Amino acid sequence: MRVIPPNSIISASFSQSIADMKARATSAAQESVTGQHTDLTKHLGGRIGSAMTSHKALADIANQRGLLSIRAGRLDLAQQSLGGVQERIAGLEVRMLSALSMGDRPGQDLVARDAEAALRDTFNALNSRHGDRFLFAGDQTATQPLTSPDQLLADIRQIANTATSAADFELQLDEYFQSPTGGWLTSIYAGSATSSDPDAVTATDPAIVEVISALAVMAISTTSNNIALFDQNPDIVAASAERIGTGSTALVNLRADIGISQERIAKSRESLDTEEAILNTVFNSMVGRDQYDAASELKQLEAGLEAAYLLTSRLSNLTLLNFLR
């Protein structure tokens, strides 16, 4: 019969104990950092279902917060874009009306050039995007909403040169911007007229269209364009200047609507913060581990491991000859 040496039995026993202590030390080290028990099933027992429910609720809150952040980012950028347009057109109405009332052609030309620059800046602002999403393109978020302002100016100039009267010009201008078959929707605006996103604003919004149409008319009223209809009917340019004022007021209202959506998102975030704090308290009370206690246990386990390694080393060198010495 084969006899197993006693020191082999003892060494095997110590090896198992060391493996257990190492596993426990690993868990204690993790718990001292995370503040949570590593083996939740063992710690919670029958309460594991409640803990997992709370954990899922916290994950849902994180997901909702992410979605709110995206919405907030889009609204902030839309607000900035429209605010930039509003600042850019400020004062143009008064300056143009003043130049017209005094018959100041050089002054009128200067305001017209500023109106053209403002029109180009407005196009750039409305072509802004959040990530890969164009903000003012409706549901066609992958499409730049506005094409070239040069095309718009050429179209309006053509209308002015072919119109037979001031009334005819206004009629054609209205047809151009308002009709589904007009140049605005067929040549200039490339996005969708509708949006499934309730927060979105499209470049077809009446406030935006009014500003753009007014800027376009003012922009082509320079002496260099030599439009006879405008020379004979300066009221056309005056009316476009006045539309800058009404358009600016409409932009204020539009931005106010965006502001309401921004406020709703801010309140939703506050509600999520409150809900998350409550859920974290409940979840941590179930899975939490005192980090100081875990660190103390880790120290004890490390000391125990050192002693076990030392004792194992001594046992491996134990022989009958060494014992008799």
C-alpha atoms as a PDB file:
ATOM      1  CA  MET A   1       0.000   0.000   0.000  1.00  0.00           C
ATOM      2  CA  ARG A   2       1.314   3.473  -0.977  1.00  0.00           C
ATOM      3  CA  VAL A   3       1.675   5.831   1.958  1.00  0.00           C
ATOM      4  CA  ILE A   4       1.174   9.584   1.261  1.00  0.00           C
ATOM      5  CA  PRO A   5       3.736  11.615   3.182  1.00  0.00           C
ATOM      6  CA  PRO A   6       2.137  13.709   5.929  1.00  0.00           C
ATOM      7  CA  ASN A   7       3.844  16.892   4.707  1.00  0.00           C
ATOM      8  CA  SER A   8       2.235  16.386   1.254  1.00  0.00           C
ATOM      9  CA  ILE A   9      -1.202  16.248   2.837  1.00  0.00           C
ATOM     10  CA  ILE A  10      -0.465  19.380   4.816  1.00  0.00           C
ATOM     11  CA  SER A  11       0.929  21.174   1.737  1.00  0.00           C
ATOM     12  CA  ALA A  12      -2.194  20.322  -0.283  1.00  0.00           C
ATOM     13  CA  SER A  13      -4.384  21.646   2.503  1.00  0.00           C
ATOM     14  CA  PHE A  14      -2.388  24.856   2.673  1.00  0.00           C
ATOM     15  CA  SER A  15      -2.525  25.251  -1.099  1.00  0.00           C
ATOM     16  CA  GLN A  16      -6.330  25.147  -1.016  1.00  0.00           C
ATOM     17  CA  SER A  17      -6.413  27.635   1.833  1.00  0.00           C
ATOM     18  CA  ILE A  18      -4.055  29.940  -0.029  1.00  0.00           C
ATOM     19  CA  ALA A  19      -6.232  29.743  -3.170  1.00  0.00           C
ATOM     20  CA  ASP A  20      -9.307  30.619  -1.099  1.00  0.00           C
ATOM     21  CA  MET A  21      -7.546  33.556   0.545  1.00  0.00           C
ATOM     22  CA  LYS A  22      -6.286  34.834  -2.821  1.00  0.00           C
ATOM     23  CA  ALA A  23      -9.808  34.718  -4.261  1.00  0.00           C
ATOM     24  CA  ARG A  24     -11.167  36.527  -1.230  1.00  0.00           C
ATOM     25  CA  ALA A  25      -8.345  39.091  -1.372  1.00  0.00           C
ATOM     26  CA  THR A  26      -9.156  39.790  -5.026  1.00  0.00           C
ATOM     27  CA  SER A  27     -12.812  40.383  -4.109  1.00  0.00           C
ATOM     28  CA  ALA A  28     -11.879  42.561  -1.131  1.00  0.00           C
ATOM     29  CA  ALA A  29      -9.558  44.655  -3.308  1.00  0.00           C
ATOM     30  CA  GLN A  30     -12.368  45.231  -5.839  1.00  0.00           C
ATOM     31  CA  GLU A  31     -14.892  45.990  -3.105  1.00  0.00           C
ATOM     32  CA  SER A  32     -12.562  48.519  -1.488  1.00  0.00           C
ATOM     33  CA  VAL A  33     -12.545  50.425  -4.791  1.00  0.00           C
ATOM     34  CA  THR A  34     -16.140  50.021  -6.013  1.00  0.00           C
ATOM     35  CA  GLY A  35     -17.890  50.044  -2.660  1.00  0.00           C
ATOM     36  CA  GLN A  36     -20.066  47.121  -3.781  1.00  0.00           C
ATOM     37  CA  HIS A  37     -20.110  43.430  -3.010  1.00  0.00           C
ATOM     38  CA  THR A  38     -18.612  41.390  -5.832  1.00  0.00           C
ATOM     39  CA  ASP A  39     -20.846  38.352  -5.331  1.00  0.00           C
ATOM     40  CA  LEU A  40     -24.291  39.940  -5.307  1.00  0.00           C
ATOM     41  CA  THR A  41     -26.136  36.638  -5.543  1.00  0.00           C
ATOM     42  CA  LYS A  42     -24.500  35.384  -2.376  1.00  0.00           C
ATOM     43  CA  HIS A  43     -24.843  38.707  -0.562  1.00  0.00           C
ATOM     44  CA  LEU A  44     -28.431  39.493  -1.516  1.00  0.00           C
ATOM     45  CA  GLY A  45     -29.970  36.046  -1.610  1.00  0.00           C
ATOM     46  CA  GLY A  46     -33.686  36.476  -2.261  1.00  0.00           C
ATOM     47  CA  ARG A  47     -33.343  40.243  -2.766  1.00  0.00           C
ATOM     48  CA  ILE A  48     -31.343  39.894  -5.983  1.00  0.00           C
ATOM     49  CA  GLY A  49     -34.454  40.521  -8.114  1.00  0.00           C
ATOM     50  CA  SER A  50     -35.143  43.863  -6.429  1.00  0.00           C
ATOM     51  CA  ALA A  51     -31.514  44.895  -6.850  1.00  0.00           C
ATOM     52  CA  MET A  52     -31.548  44.075 -10.559  1.00  0.00           C
ATOM     53  CA  THR A  53     -34.768  46.038 -11.007  1.00  0.00           C
ATOM     54  CA  SER A  54     -33.154  49.082  -9.399  1.00  0.00           C
ATOM     55  CA  HIS A  55     -30.054  48.613 -11.544  1.00  0.00           C
ATOM     56  CA  LYS A  56     -32.151  48.531 -14.728  1.00  0.00           C
ATOM     57  CA  ALA A  57     -34.008  51.668 -13.629  1.00  0.00           C
ATOM     58  CA  LEU A  58     -30.666  53.447 -13.175  1.00  0.00           C
ATOM     59  CA  ALA A  59     -29.539  52.305 -16.634  1.00  0.00           C
ATOM     60  CA  ASP A  60     -32.806  53.618 -18.116  1.00  0.00           C
ATOM     61  CA  ILE A  61     -32.221  56.987 -16.455  1.00  0.00           C
ATOM     62  CA  ALA A  62     -28.719  57.151 -17.930  1.00  0.00           C
ATOM     63  CA  ASN A  63     -30.178  56.409 -21.367  1.00  0.00           C
ATOM     64  CA  GLN A  64     -32.890  59.058 -20.961  1.00  0.00           C
ATOM     65  CA  ARG A  65     -30.312  61.598 -19.838  1.00  0.00           C
ATOM     66  CA  GLY A  66     -28.268  60.857 -22.950  1.00  0.00           C
ATOM     67  CA  LEU A  67     -31.279  61.429 -25.189  1.00  0.00           C
ATOM     68  CA  LEU A  68     -32.100  64.671 -23.374  1.00  0.00           C
ATOM     69  CA  SER A  69     -28.514  65.843 -23.841  1.00  0.00           C
ATOM     70  CA  ILE A  70     -28.795  65.286 -27.596  1.00  0.00           C
ATOM     71  CA  ARG A  71     -32.091  67.191 -27.733  1.00  0.00           C
ATOM     72  CA  ALA A  72     -30.649  69.988 -25.619  1.00  0.00           C
ATOM     73  CA  GLY A  73     -27.600  70.243 -27.889  1.00  0.00           C
ATOM     74  CA  ARG A  74     -29.776  70.552 -30.978  1.00  0.00           C
ATOM     75  CA  LEU A  75     -31.995  73.184 -29.401  1.00  0.00           C
ATOM     76  CA  ASP A  76     -29.033  75.181 -28.143  1.00  0.00           C
ATOM     77  CA  LEU A  77     -27.485  75.264 -31.613  1.00  0.00           C
ATOM     78  CA  ALA A  78     -30.811  76.157 -33.254  1.00  0.00           C
ATOM     79  CA  GLN A  79     -31.265  78.947 -30.714  1.00  0.00           C
ATOM     80  CA  GLN A  80     -27.771  80.269 -31.415  1.00  0.00           C
ATOM     81  CA  SER A  81     -28.310  80.119 -35.174  1.00  0.00           C
ATOM     82  CA  LEU A  82     -31.579  82.034 -35.071  1.00  0.00           C
ATOM     83  CA  GLY A  83     -30.125  84.477 -32.567  1.00  0.00           C
ATOM     84  CA  GLY A  84     -27.259  85.117 -34.973  1.00  0.00           C
ATOM     85  CA  VAL A  85     -29.732  85.830 -37.783  1.00  0.00           C
ATOM     86  CA  GLN A  86     -31.691  88.210 -35.586  1.00  0.00           C
ATOM     87  CA  GLU A  87     -28.553  90.109 -34.588  1.00  0.00           C
ATOM     88  CA  ARG A  88     -27.390  90.245 -38.208  1.00  0.00           C
ATOM     89  CA  ILE A  89     -30.564  91.912 -39.507  1.00  0.00           C
ATOM     90  CA  ALA A  90     -30.903  94.335 -36.595  1.00  0.00           C
ATOM     91  CA  GLY A  91     -31.009  97.937 -37.796  1.00  0.00           C
ATOM     92  CA  LEU A  92     -31.345  97.181 -41.518  1.00  0.00           C
ATOM     93  CA  GLU A  93     -35.010  98.192 -41.544  1.00  0.00           C
ATOM     94  CA  VAL A  94     -34.392 101.635 -40.040  1.00  0.00           C
ATOM     95  CA  ARG A  95     -31.345 102.323 -42.172  1.00  0.00           C
ATOM     96  CA  MET A  96     -33.075 101.438 -45.445  1.00  0.00           C
ATOM     97  CA  LEU A  97     -36.235 103.419 -44.653  1.00  0.00           C
ATOM     98  CA  SER A  98     -34.102 106.388 -43.670  1.00  0.00           C
ATOM     99  CA  ALA A  99     -32.107 106.253 -46.916  1.00  0.00           C
ATOM    100  CA  LEU A 100     -35.310 105.951 -48.975  1.00  0.00           C
ATOM    101  CA  SER A 101     -37.018 108.847 -47.226  1.00  0.00           C
ATOM    102  CA  MET A 102     -34.043 111.149 -47.916  1.00  0.00           C
ATOM    103  CA  GLY A 103     -33.509 109.900 -51.460  1.00  0.00           C
ATOM    104  CA  ASP A 104     -29.973 108.891 -50.458  1.00  0.00           C
ATOM    105  CA  ARG A 105     -28.937 106.508 -53.237  1.00  0.00           C
ATOM    106  CA  PRO A 106     -25.398 105.891 -51.944  1.00  0.00           C
ATOM    107  CA  GLY A 107     -26.854 105.181 -48.507  1.00  0.00           C
ATOM    108  CA  GLN A 108     -29.436 102.836 -50.033  1.00  0.00           C
ATOM    109  CA  ASP A 109     -26.711 100.992 -51.929  1.00  0.00           C
ATOM    110  CA  LEU A 110     -24.725 100.572 -48.723  1.00  0.00           C
ATOM    111  CA  VAL A 111     -27.699  99.093 -46.868  1.00  0.00           C
ATOM    112  CA  ALA A 112     -28.483  96.845 -49.870  1.00  0.00           C
ATOM    113  CA  ARG A 113     -24.958  95.442 -49.788  1.00  0.00           C
ATOM    114  CA  ASP A 114     -25.275  94.863 -46.047  1.00  0.00           C
ATOM    115  CA  ALA A 115     -28.583  93.101 -46.705  1.00  0.00           C
ATOM    116  CA  GLU A 116     -26.877  90.787 -49.213  1.00  0.00           C
ATOM    117  CA  ALA A 117     -24.138  90.008 -46.687  1.00  0.00           C
ATOM    118  CA  ALA A 118     -26.794  89.335 -44.050  1.00  0.00           C
ATOM    119  CA  LEU A 119     -28.599  87.025 -46.493  1.00  0.00           C
ATOM    120  CA  ARG A 120     -25.440  84.983 -47.034  1.00  0.00           C
ATOM    121  CA  ASP A 121     -24.823  84.808 -43.283  1.00  0.00           C
ATOM    122  CA  THR A 122     -28.418  83.688 -42.798  1.00  0.00           C
ATOM    123  CA  PHE A 123     -27.948  80.853 -45.293  1.00  0.00           C
ATOM    124  CA  ASN A 124     -24.817  79.752 -43.431  1.00  0.00           C
ATOM    125  CA  ALA A 125     -26.628  79.863 -40.088  1.00  0.00           C
ATOM    126  CA  LEU A 126     -29.554  77.825 -41.374  1.00  0.00           C
ATOM    127  CA  ASN A 127     -27.203  75.231 -42.865  1.00  0.00           C
ATOM    128  CA  SER A 128     -25.721  74.519 -39.438  1.00  0.00           C
ATOM    129  CA  ARG A 129     -25.771  70.949 -38.176  1.00  0.00           C
ATOM    130  CA  HIS A 130     -25.460  69.014 -34.962  1.00  0.00           C
ATOM    131  CA  GLY A 131     -23.157  66.094 -35.663  1.00  0.00           C
ATOM    132  CA  ASP A 132     -24.334  64.637 -38.971  1.00  0.00           C
ATOM    133  CA  ARG A 133     -27.812  66.134 -38.633  1.00  0.00           C
ATOM    134  CA  PHE A 134     -28.771  69.357 -40.435  1.00  0.00           C
ATOM    135  CA  LEU A 135     -30.992  71.182 -37.966  1.00  0.00           C
ATOM    136  CA  PHE A 136     -33.245  73.155 -40.327  1.00  0.00           C
ATOM    137  CA  ALA A 137     -33.829  70.475 -42.988  1.00  0.00           C
ATOM    138  CA  GLY A 138     -36.936  68.839 -41.502  1.00  0.00           C
ATOM    139  CA  ASP A 139     -36.964  65.058 -41.808  1.00  0.00           C
ATOM    140  CA  GLN A 140     -34.253  65.118 -44.491  1.00  0.00           C
ATOM    141  CA  THR A 141     -31.599  65.582 -41.842  1.00  0.00           C
ATOM    142  CA  ALA A 142     -28.790  64.323 -44.077  1.00  0.00           C
ATOM    143  CA  THR A 143     -29.467  67.023 -46.694  1.00  0.00           C
ATOM    144  CA  GLN A 144     -28.156  70.577 -46.503  1.00  0.00           C
ATOM    145  CA  PRO A 145     -31.395  72.603 -46.423  1.00  0.00           C
ATOM    146  CA  LEU A 146     -30.403  75.700 -48.396  1.00  0.00           C
ATOM    147  CA  THR A 147     -28.556  75.849 -51.700  1.00  0.00           C
ATOM    148  CA  SER A 148     -26.728  78.918 -53.005  1.00  0.00           C
ATOM    149  CA  PRO A 149     -27.966  82.423 -52.142  1.00  0.00           C
ATOM    150  CA  ASP A 150     -26.726  83.461 -55.595  1.00  0.00           C
ATOM    151  CA  GLN A 151     -29.495  81.384 -57.156  1.00  0.00           C
ATOM    152  CA  LEU A 152     -32.080  83.053 -54.929  1.00  0.00           C
ATOM    153  CA  LEU A 153     -30.845  86.539 -55.830  1.00  0.00           C
ATOM    154  CA  ALA A 154     -30.871  85.659 -59.527  1.00  0.00           C
ATOM    155  CA  ASP A 155     -34.463  84.402 -59.248  1.00  0.00           C
ATOM    156  CA  ILE A 156     -35.701  87.518 -57.424  1.00  0.00           C
ATOM    157  CA  ARG A 157     -33.851  89.758 -59.871  1.00  0.00           C
ATOM    158  CA  GLN A 158     -35.585  87.959 -62.751  1.00  0.00           C
ATOM    159  CA  ILE A 159     -38.974  88.510 -61.126  1.00  0.00           C
ATOM    160  CA  ALA A 160     -38.207  92.215 -60.637  1.00  0.00           C
ATOM    161  CA  ASN A 161     -37.125  92.637 -64.256  1.00  0.00           C
ATOM    162  CA  THR A 162     -40.186  90.886 -65.703  1.00  0.00           C
ATOM    163  CA  ALA A 163     -42.891  92.198 -63.354  1.00  0.00           C
ATOM    164  CA  THR A 164     -45.252  94.689 -64.995  1.00  0.00           C
ATOM    165  CA  SER A 165     -46.134  96.555 -61.836  1.00  0.00           C
ATOM    166  CA  ALA A 166     -45.502  96.704 -58.117  1.00  0.00           C
ATOM    167  CA  ALA A 167     -48.607  94.597 -57.526  1.00  0.00           C
ATOM    168  CA  ASP A 168     -47.448  92.052 -60.090  1.00  0.00           C
ATOM    169  CA  PHE A 169     -44.039  91.887 -58.411  1.00  0.00           C
ATOM    170  CA  GLU A 170     -45.578  91.244 -54.995  1.00  0.00           C
ATOM    171  CA  LEU A 171     -47.835  88.579 -56.499  1.00  0.00           C
ATOM    172  CA  GLN A 172     -44.918  86.798 -58.175  1.00  0.00           C
ATOM    173  CA  LEU A 173     -42.801  87.143 -55.016  1.00  0.00           C
ATOM    174  CA  ASP A 174     -45.549  85.568 -52.939  1.00  0.00           C
ATOM    175  CA  GLU A 175     -45.918  82.766 -55.510  1.00  0.00           C
ATOM    176  CA  TYR A 176     -42.168  82.181 -55.445  1.00  0.00           C
ATOM    177  CA  PHE A 177     -41.956  81.738 -51.659  1.00  0.00           C
ATOM    178  CA  GLN A 178     -45.372  80.311 -50.784  1.00  0.00           C
ATOM    179  CA  SER A 179     -46.402  78.014 -53.639  1.00  0.00           C
ATOM    180  CA  PRO A 180     -45.343  74.332 -53.522  1.00  0.00           C
ATOM    181  CA  THR A 181     -44.188  74.782 -57.117  1.00  0.00           C
ATOM    182  CA  GLY A 182     -42.457  78.117 -56.456  1.00  0.00           C
ATOM    183  CA  GLY A 183     -38.739  78.616 -56.739  1.00  0.00           C
ATOM    184  CA  TRP A 184     -38.150  78.633 -52.982  1.00  0.00           C
ATOM    185  CA  LEU A 185     -39.279  75.017 -52.542  1.00  0.00           C
ATOM    186  CA  THR A 186     -38.073  73.733 -55.906  1.00  0.00           C
ATOM    187  CA  SER A 187     -34.696  75.462 -56.280  1.00  0.00           C
ATOM    188  CA  ILE A 188     -33.535  76.833 -52.929  1.00  0.00           C
ATOM    189  CA  TYR A 189     -34.885  74.754 -50.045  1.00  0.00           C
ATOM    190  CA  ALA A 190     -33.724  71.139 -50.392  1.00  0.00           C
ATOM    191  CA  GLY A 191     -34.986  69.787 -47.074  1.00  0.00           C
ATOM    192  CA  SER A 192     -38.367  68.453 -46.016  1.00  0.00           C
ATOM    193  CA  ALA A 193     -41.243  70.798 -45.315  1.00  0.00           C
ATOM    194  CA  THR A 194     -42.282  68.621 -42.369  1.00  0.00           C
ATOM    195  CA  SER A 195     -40.444  67.237 -39.367  1.00  0.00           C
ATOM    196  CA  SER A 196     -41.308  64.308 -37.122  1.00  0.00           C
ATOM    197  CA  ASP A 197     -39.168  65.905 -34.411  1.00  0.00           C
ATOM    198  CA  PRO A 198     -41.483  68.194 -32.415  1.00  0.00           C
ATOM    199  CA  ASP A 199     -38.507  70.314 -31.317  1.00  0.00           C
ATOM    200  CA  ALA A 200     -37.210  70.962 -34.837  1.00  0.00           C
ATOM    201  CA  VAL A 201     -37.559  74.173 -36.827  1.00  0.00           C
ATOM    202  CA  THR A 202     -37.371  74.039 -40.626  1.00  0.00           C
ATOM    203  CA  ALA A 203     -36.112  76.758 -42.952  1.00  0.00           C
ATOM    204  CA  THR A 204     -39.678  76.927 -44.317  1.00  0.00           C
ATOM    205  CA  ASP A 205     -40.931  78.478 -41.079  1.00  0.00           C
ATOM    206  CA  PRO A 206     -42.890  81.665 -41.961  1.00  0.00           C
ATOM    207  CA  ALA A 207     -40.630  83.829 -39.789  1.00  0.00           C
ATOM    208  CA  ILE A 208     -37.521  82.625 -41.583  1.00  0.00           C
ATOM    209  CA  VAL A 209     -39.068  82.880 -45.042  1.00  0.00           C
ATOM    210  CA  GLU A 210     -40.214  86.442 -44.362  1.00  0.00           C
ATOM    211  CA  VAL A 211     -36.730  87.529 -43.329  1.00  0.00           C
ATOM    212  CA  ILE A 212     -35.068  85.847 -46.300  1.00  0.00           C
ATOM    213  CA  SER A 213     -37.526  87.266 -48.841  1.00  0.00           C
ATOM    214  CA  ALA A 214     -37.096  90.775 -47.420  1.00  0.00           C
ATOM    215  CA  LEU A 215     -33.303  90.512 -47.458  1.00  0.00           C
ATOM    216  CA  ALA A 216     -33.317  89.267 -51.053  1.00  0.00           C
ATOM    217  CA  VAL A 217     -35.426  92.190 -52.295  1.00  0.00           C
ATOM    218  CA  MET A 218     -33.306  94.707 -50.409  1.00  0.00           C
ATOM    219  CA  ALA A 219     -30.107  93.094 -51.697  1.00  0.00           C
ATOM    220  CA  ILE A 220     -31.021  93.562 -55.387  1.00  0.00           C
ATOM    221  CA  SER A 221     -32.077  97.199 -54.923  1.00  0.00           C
ATOM    222  CA  THR A 222     -28.583  98.538 -55.600  1.00  0.00           C
ATOM    223  CA  THR A 223     -27.959 101.077 -58.346  1.00  0.00           C
ATOM    224  CA  SER A 224     -25.736  98.586 -60.158  1.00  0.00           C
ATOM    225  CA  ASN A 225     -28.688  96.218 -60.692  1.00  0.00           C
ATOM    226  CA  ASN A 226     -30.543  99.034 -62.500  1.00  0.00           C
ATOM    227  CA  ILE A 227     -34.028  97.656 -61.858  1.00  0.00           C
ATOM    228  CA  ALA A 228     -36.476 100.131 -63.390  1.00  0.00           C
ATOM    229  CA  LEU A 229     -39.415  98.783 -61.399  1.00  0.00           C
ATOM    230  CA  PHE A 230     -37.682  99.661 -58.105  1.00  0.00           C
ATOM    231  CA  ASP A 231     -36.721 103.131 -59.350  1.00  0.00           C
ATOM    232  CA  GLN A 232     -40.334 103.811 -60.293  1.00  0.00           C
ATOM    233  CA  ASN A 233     -41.760 102.141 -57.185  1.00  0.00           C
ATOM    234  CA  PRO A 234     -39.464 102.706 -54.188  1.00  0.00           C
ATOM    235  CA  ASP A 235     -42.315 101.520 -51.989  1.00  0.00           C
ATOM    236  CA  ILE A 236     -41.380  97.966 -52.993  1.00  0.00           C
ATOM    237  CA  VAL A 237     -38.018  98.311 -51.248  1.00  0.00           C
ATOM    238  CA  ALA A 238     -39.658 100.132 -48.323  1.00  0.00           C
ATOM    239  CA  ALA A 239     -42.109  97.254 -47.915  1.00  0.00           C
ATOM    240  CA  SER A 240     -39.259  94.757 -47.870  1.00  0.00           C
ATOM    241  CA  ALA A 241     -37.520  96.820 -45.196  1.00  0.00           C
ATOM    242  CA  GLU A 242     -40.661  96.802 -43.096  1.00  0.00           C
ATOM    243  CA  ARG A 243     -40.843  93.018 -43.478  1.00  0.00           C
ATOM    244  CA  ILE A 244     -37.426  92.859 -41.841  1.00  0.00           C
ATOM    245  CA  GLY A 245     -39.055  94.351 -38.762  1.00  0.00           C
ATOM    246  CA  THR A 246     -42.034  91.996 -38.730  1.00  0.00           C
ATOM    247  CA  GLY A 247     -39.753  89.071 -39.542  1.00  0.00           C
ATOM    248  CA  SER A 248     -37.503  89.944 -36.616  1.00  0.00           C
ATOM    249  CA  THR A 249     -40.518  90.001 -34.301  1.00  0.00           C
ATOM    250  CA  ALA A 250     -41.593  86.602 -35.642  1.00  0.00           C
ATOM    251  CA  LEU A 251     -38.077  85.286 -34.975  1.00  0.00           C
ATOM    252  CA  VAL A 252     -38.390  86.411 -31.364  1.00  0.00           C
ATOM    253  CA  ASN A 253     -41.578  84.370 -31.028  1.00  0.00           C
ATOM    254  CA  LEU A 254     -39.951  81.394 -32.737  1.00  0.00           C
ATOM    255  CA  ARG A 255     -36.972  81.544 -30.397  1.00  0.00           C
ATOM    256  CA  ALA A 256     -39.348  81.815 -27.461  1.00  0.00           C
ATOM    257  CA  ASP A 257     -40.962  78.524 -28.513  1.00  0.00           C
ATOM    258  CA  ILE A 258     -37.518  76.937 -28.627  1.00  0.00           C
ATOM    259  CA  GLY A 259     -36.837  78.402 -25.199  1.00  0.00           C
ATOM    260  CA  ILE A 260     -39.942  76.687 -23.833  1.00  0.00           C
ATOM    261  CA  SER A 261     -38.655  73.363 -25.140  1.00  0.00           C
ATOM    262  CA  GLN A 262     -35.261  74.063 -23.571  1.00  0.00           C
ATOM    263  CA  GLU A 263     -36.930  74.773 -20.233  1.00  0.00           C
ATOM    264  CA  ARG A 264     -38.885  71.520 -20.421  1.00  0.00           C
ATOM    265  CA  ILE A 265     -35.688  69.587 -21.027  1.00  0.00           C
ATOM    266  CA  ALA A 266     -34.008  71.326 -18.085  1.00  0.00           C
ATOM    267  CA  LYS A 267     -36.910  70.340 -15.814  1.00  0.00           C
ATOM    268  CA  SER A 268     -36.817  66.767 -17.136  1.00  0.00           C
ATOM    269  CA  ARG A 269     -33.136  66.604 -16.274  1.00  0.00           C
ATOM    270  CA  GLU A 270     -33.838  67.840 -12.762  1.00  0.00           C
ATOM    271  CA  SER A 271     -36.512  65.163 -12.331  1.00  0.00           C
ATOM    272  CA  LEU A 272     -34.104  62.488 -13.534  1.00  0.00           C
ATOM    273  CA  ASP A 273     -31.457  63.718 -11.107  1.00  0.00           C
ATOM    274  CA  THR A 274     -33.911  63.410  -8.211  1.00  0.00           C
ATOM    275  CA  GLU A 275     -35.088  59.977  -9.307  1.00  0.00           C
ATOM    276  CA  GLU A 276     -31.515  58.802  -9.799  1.00  0.00           C
ATOM    277  CA  ALA A 277     -30.482  59.978  -6.331  1.00  0.00           C
ATOM    278  CA  ILE A 278     -33.338  58.013  -4.734  1.00  0.00           C
ATOM    279  CA  LEU A 279     -32.634  54.879  -6.760  1.00  0.00           C
ATOM    280  CA  ASN A 280     -28.904  55.087  -6.026  1.00  0.00           C
ATOM    281  CA  THR A 281     -29.637  55.244  -2.311  1.00  0.00           C
ATOM    282  CA  VAL A 282     -31.878  52.183  -2.519  1.00  0.00           C
ATOM    283  CA  PHE A 283     -29.483  50.241  -4.752  1.00  0.00           C
ATOM    284  CA  ASN A 284     -26.395  51.075  -2.703  1.00  0.00           C
ATOM    285  CA  SER A 285     -28.156  50.067   0.503  1.00  0.00           C
ATOM    286  CA  MET A 286     -28.608  46.600  -1.006  1.00  0.00           C
ATOM    287  CA  VAL A 287     -25.302  46.045  -2.778  1.00  0.00           C
ATOM    288  CA  GLY A 288     -23.025  48.478  -0.967  1.00  0.00           C
ATOM    289  CA  ARG A 289     -19.918  47.390   0.911  1.00  0.00           C
ATOM    290  CA  ASP A 290     -18.106  49.611   3.376  1.00  0.00           C
ATOM    291  CA  GLN A 291     -14.866  50.447   1.568  1.00  0.00           C
ATOM    292  CA  TYR A 292     -12.902  50.948   4.804  1.00  0.00           C
ATOM    293  CA  ASP A 293     -14.063  47.571   6.066  1.00  0.00           C
ATOM    294  CA  ALA A 294     -13.114  45.954   2.736  1.00  0.00           C
ATOM    295  CA  ALA A 295      -9.678  47.581   2.846  1.00  0.00           C
ATOM    296  CA  SER A 296      -9.133  46.331   6.412  1.00  0.00           C
ATOM    297  CA  GLU A 297     -10.126  42.805   5.384  1.00  0.00           C
ATOM    298  CA  LEU A 298      -7.718  43.054   2.450  1.00  0.00           C
ATOM    299  CA  LYS A 299      -4.869  43.944   4.812  1.00  0.00           C
ATOM    300  CA  GLN A 300      -5.659  40.950   7.010  1.00  0.00           C
ATOM    301  CA  LEU A 301      -5.853  38.614   4.017  1.00  0.00           C
ATOM    302  CA  GLU A 302      -2.534  39.883   2.682  1.00  0.00           C
ATOM    303  CA  ALA A 303      -0.928  39.247   6.061  1.00  0.00           C
ATOM    304  CA  GLY A 304      -2.490  35.777   6.168  1.00  0.00           C
ATOM    305  CA  LEU A 305      -1.199  35.022   2.673  1.00  0.00           C
ATOM    306  CA  GLU A 306       2.320  36.054   3.612  1.00  0.00           C
ATOM    307  CA  ALA A 307       2.217  33.778   6.650  1.00  0.00           C
ATOM    308  CA  ALA A 308       0.786  30.903   4.620  1.00  0.00           C
ATOM    309  CA  TYR A 309       3.460  31.273   1.937  1.00  0.00           C
ATOM    310  CA  LEU A 310       6.177  31.259   4.616  1.00  0.00           C
ATOM    311  CA  LEU A 311       4.744  28.197   6.325  1.00  0.00           C
ATOM    312  CA  THR A 312       4.360  26.368   3.007  1.00  0.00           C
ATOM    313  CA  SER A 313       7.978  27.094   2.205  1.00  0.00           C
ATOM    314  CA  ARG A 314       9.091  25.673   5.501  1.00  0.00           C
ATOM    315  CA  LEU A 315       6.981  22.543   5.091  1.00  0.00           C
ATOM    316  CA  SER A 316       8.459  21.892   1.663  1.00  0.00           C
ATOM    317  CA  ASN A 317      11.938  21.775   3.241  1.00  0.00           C
ATOM    318  CA  LEU A 318      10.892  19.525   6.126  1.00  0.00           C
ATOM    319  CA  THR A 319      12.681  16.105   6.017  1.00  0.00           C
ATOM    320  CA  LEU A 320      13.418  13.463   8.642  1.00  0.00           C
ATOM    321  CA  LEU A 321      17.105  14.436   8.620  1.00  0.00           C
ATOM    322  CA  ASN A 322      16.252  18.115   9.197  1.00  0.00           C
ATOM    323  CA  PHE A 323      13.796  17.083  11.909  1.00  0.00           C
ATOM    324  CA  LEU A 324      16.446  14.945  13.735  1.00  0.00           C
ATOM    325  CA  ARG A 325      18.851  17.872  13.631  1.00  0.00           C
END
